Amino acid sequence: MKTITTLKIIFSVVLVWMAYVVISTSLASSLFEQWDFLGAIPWMRATLWDFYANILIIALWMFYKEKYIPIKILWTILFVCLGSLATCAYVLIKLFKLKPGQGVKELLVER
């Protein structure tokens, strides 16, 4: 399926790009040292609320998809701690587990 291949490429590129951004930013600036300053910026607080709202939505989808509680807990922790890195990894795993002929419907809906 062309759509699935395209999604694999997109999520792979986003995963690599975000890994680069996170690593290079972490090497240049410590979030923990900057937190007092960053936490005082209203847009930073709004961005964090937005991030966690998205994590909630993604975690609810993952809770539907996954069968076992320990896996659900592990992925939730990874989503919260790693953000888009974990999200891209989760979706890529699901994309690569699709059988030939399966598409986006199976990716999103099947358990």
C-alpha atoms as a PDB file:
ATOM      1  CA  MET A   1       0.000   0.000   0.000  1.00  0.00           C
ATOM      2  CA  LYS A   2       1.343   3.357  -1.014  1.00  0.00           C
ATOM      3  CA  THR A   3      -0.336   5.184   1.880  1.00  0.00           C
ATOM      4  CA  ILE A   4       1.283   2.955   4.502  1.00  0.00           C
ATOM      5  CA  THR A   5       4.724   3.365   2.909  1.00  0.00           C
ATOM      6  CA  THR A   6       4.242   7.134   2.852  1.00  0.00           C
ATOM      7  CA  LEU A   7       3.243   7.109   6.534  1.00  0.00           C
ATOM      8  CA  LYS A   8       6.302   5.019   7.410  1.00  0.00           C
ATOM      9  CA  ILE A   9       8.526   7.564   5.666  1.00  0.00           C
ATOM     10  CA  ILE A  10       6.813  10.565   7.273  1.00  0.00           C
ATOM     11  CA  PHE A  11       6.922   9.142  10.805  1.00  0.00           C
ATOM     12  CA  SER A  12      10.537   8.027  10.342  1.00  0.00           C
ATOM     13  CA  VAL A  13      11.593  11.492   9.175  1.00  0.00           C
ATOM     14  CA  VAL A  14       9.751  13.168  12.056  1.00  0.00           C
ATOM     15  CA  LEU A  15      11.330  10.739  14.538  1.00  0.00           C
ATOM     16  CA  VAL A  16      14.855  11.403  13.261  1.00  0.00           C
ATOM     17  CA  TRP A  17      14.276  15.172  13.068  1.00  0.00           C
ATOM     18  CA  MET A  18      12.862  15.384  16.592  1.00  0.00           C
ATOM     19  CA  ALA A  19      15.712  13.241  17.946  1.00  0.00           C
ATOM     20  CA  TYR A  20      18.154  15.697  16.355  1.00  0.00           C
ATOM     21  CA  VAL A  21      16.274  18.731  17.727  1.00  0.00           C
ATOM     22  CA  VAL A  22      16.002  17.316  21.246  1.00  0.00           C
ATOM     23  CA  ILE A  23      19.625  16.155  21.417  1.00  0.00           C
ATOM     24  CA  SER A  24      21.120  19.313  19.931  1.00  0.00           C
ATOM     25  CA  THR A  25      18.962  21.531  22.153  1.00  0.00           C
ATOM     26  CA  SER A  26      19.828  19.487  25.242  1.00  0.00           C
ATOM     27  CA  LEU A  27      23.534  19.844  24.485  1.00  0.00           C
ATOM     28  CA  ALA A  28      23.193  23.601  24.035  1.00  0.00           C
ATOM     29  CA  SER A  29      20.848  24.392  26.929  1.00  0.00           C
ATOM     30  CA  SER A  30      19.662  22.643  30.087  1.00  0.00           C
ATOM     31  CA  LEU A  31      15.909  22.666  30.553  1.00  0.00           C
ATOM     32  CA  PHE A  32      16.367  22.247  34.304  1.00  0.00           C
ATOM     33  CA  GLU A  33      18.648  25.289  34.556  1.00  0.00           C
ATOM     34  CA  GLN A  34      16.286  27.391  32.414  1.00  0.00           C
ATOM     35  CA  TRP A  35      13.019  26.223  33.982  1.00  0.00           C
ATOM     36  CA  ASP A  36      12.387  29.216  36.265  1.00  0.00           C
ATOM     37  CA  PHE A  37      12.702  31.569  33.303  1.00  0.00           C
ATOM     38  CA  LEU A  38      10.755  29.356  30.886  1.00  0.00           C
ATOM     39  CA  GLY A  39       8.001  28.583  33.373  1.00  0.00           C
ATOM     40  CA  ALA A  40       7.320  32.297  33.763  1.00  0.00           C
ATOM     41  CA  ILE A  41       6.526  32.712  30.047  1.00  0.00           C
ATOM     42  CA  PRO A  42       2.740  32.412  29.448  1.00  0.00           C
ATOM     43  CA  TRP A  43       3.246  30.810  26.035  1.00  0.00           C
ATOM     44  CA  MET A  44       5.500  28.164  27.555  1.00  0.00           C
ATOM     45  CA  ARG A  45       2.761  27.237  30.029  1.00  0.00           C
ATOM     46  CA  ALA A  46       0.204  27.165  27.204  1.00  0.00           C
ATOM     47  CA  THR A  47       2.522  24.960  25.140  1.00  0.00           C
ATOM     48  CA  LEU A  48       2.885  22.518  28.025  1.00  0.00           C
ATOM     49  CA  TRP A  49      -0.892  22.332  28.515  1.00  0.00           C
ATOM     50  CA  ASP A  50      -1.267  21.766  24.782  1.00  0.00           C
ATOM     51  CA  PHE A  51       1.382  19.026  24.883  1.00  0.00           C
ATOM     52  CA  TYR A  52      -0.304  17.165  27.733  1.00  0.00           C
ATOM     53  CA  ALA A  53      -3.744  17.478  26.115  1.00  0.00           C
ATOM     54  CA  ASN A  54      -2.273  15.825  23.014  1.00  0.00           C
ATOM     55  CA  ILE A  55      -0.627  13.150  25.173  1.00  0.00           C
ATOM     56  CA  LEU A  56      -4.015  12.398  26.747  1.00  0.00           C
ATOM     57  CA  ILE A  57      -5.603  11.907  23.315  1.00  0.00           C
ATOM     58  CA  ILE A  58      -2.751   9.718  22.064  1.00  0.00           C
ATOM     59  CA  ALA A  59      -2.720   7.708  25.309  1.00  0.00           C
ATOM     60  CA  LEU A  60      -6.469   7.064  25.058  1.00  0.00           C
ATOM     61  CA  TRP A  61      -6.004   5.719  21.516  1.00  0.00           C
ATOM     62  CA  MET A  62      -3.091   3.567  22.703  1.00  0.00           C
ATOM     63  CA  PHE A  63      -5.194   2.282  25.649  1.00  0.00           C
ATOM     64  CA  TYR A  64      -7.800   1.169  23.101  1.00  0.00           C
ATOM     65  CA  LYS A  65      -5.157  -0.506  20.903  1.00  0.00           C
ATOM     66  CA  GLU A  66      -3.134  -2.280  23.594  1.00  0.00           C
ATOM     67  CA  LYS A  67      -4.290  -5.335  25.483  1.00  0.00           C
ATOM     68  CA  TYR A  68      -1.989  -5.526  28.505  1.00  0.00           C
ATOM     69  CA  ILE A  69      -1.893  -3.051  31.418  1.00  0.00           C
ATOM     70  CA  PRO A  70       1.931  -3.058  31.809  1.00  0.00           C
ATOM     71  CA  ILE A  71       2.322  -2.139  28.121  1.00  0.00           C
ATOM     72  CA  LYS A  72      -0.249   0.635  28.528  1.00  0.00           C
ATOM     73  CA  ILE A  73       1.611   2.015  31.531  1.00  0.00           C
ATOM     74  CA  LEU A  74       4.994   1.799  29.792  1.00  0.00           C
ATOM     75  CA  TRP A  75       3.790   3.626  26.666  1.00  0.00           C
ATOM     76  CA  THR A  76       2.050   6.307  28.758  1.00  0.00           C
ATOM     77  CA  ILE A  77       5.312   6.982  30.615  1.00  0.00           C
ATOM     78  CA  LEU A  78       7.218   7.086  27.316  1.00  0.00           C
ATOM     79  CA  PHE A  79       4.668   9.484  25.788  1.00  0.00           C
ATOM     80  CA  VAL A  80       4.879  11.832  28.776  1.00  0.00           C
ATOM     81  CA  CYS A  81       8.683  11.730  29.013  1.00  0.00           C
ATOM     82  CA  LEU A  82       9.632  11.611  25.328  1.00  0.00           C
ATOM     83  CA  GLY A  83       6.694  13.285  23.580  1.00  0.00           C
ATOM     84  CA  SER A  84       6.793  13.052  19.796  1.00  0.00           C
ATOM     85  CA  LEU A  85       9.773  10.680  19.875  1.00  0.00           C
ATOM     86  CA  ALA A  86       7.674   8.051  21.661  1.00  0.00           C
ATOM     87  CA  THR A  87       4.578   8.843  19.608  1.00  0.00           C
ATOM     88  CA  CYS A  88       6.450   8.379  16.322  1.00  0.00           C
ATOM     89  CA  ALA A  89       8.047   5.172  17.601  1.00  0.00           C
ATOM     90  CA  TYR A  90       4.652   3.786  18.681  1.00  0.00           C
ATOM     91  CA  VAL A  91       3.019   4.575  15.341  1.00  0.00           C
ATOM     92  CA  LEU A  92       5.995   3.193  13.401  1.00  0.00           C
ATOM     93  CA  ILE A  93       5.813  -0.067  15.349  1.00  0.00           C
ATOM     94  CA  LYS A  94       2.124  -0.321  14.537  1.00  0.00           C
ATOM     95  CA  LEU A  95       2.764   0.526  10.851  1.00  0.00           C
ATOM     96  CA  PHE A  96       5.441  -2.150  10.510  1.00  0.00           C
ATOM     97  CA  LYS A  97       3.170  -4.731  12.168  1.00  0.00           C
ATOM     98  CA  LEU A  98       0.458  -4.257   9.548  1.00  0.00           C
ATOM     99  CA  LYS A  99      -0.009  -7.226   7.240  1.00  0.00           C
ATOM    100  CA  PRO A 100       0.077  -6.797   3.458  1.00  0.00           C
ATOM    101  CA  GLY A 101      -3.187  -5.297   2.279  1.00  0.00           C
ATOM    102  CA  GLN A 102      -3.982  -3.633   5.594  1.00  0.00           C
ATOM    103  CA  GLY A 103      -4.309   0.114   5.636  1.00  0.00           C
ATOM    104  CA  VAL A 104      -5.013   3.150   7.764  1.00  0.00           C
ATOM    105  CA  LYS A 105      -8.319   1.737   9.021  1.00  0.00           C
ATOM    106  CA  GLU A 106      -6.534  -1.253  10.548  1.00  0.00           C
ATOM    107  CA  LEU A 107      -3.836   1.029  11.942  1.00  0.00           C
ATOM    108  CA  LEU A 108      -6.343   3.243  13.709  1.00  0.00           C
ATOM    109  CA  VAL A 109      -9.170   0.901  14.629  1.00  0.00           C
ATOM    110  CA  GLU A 110      -8.051  -2.718  14.947  1.00  0.00           C
ATOM    111  CA  ARG A 111      -6.896  -4.010  18.293  1.00  0.00           C
END
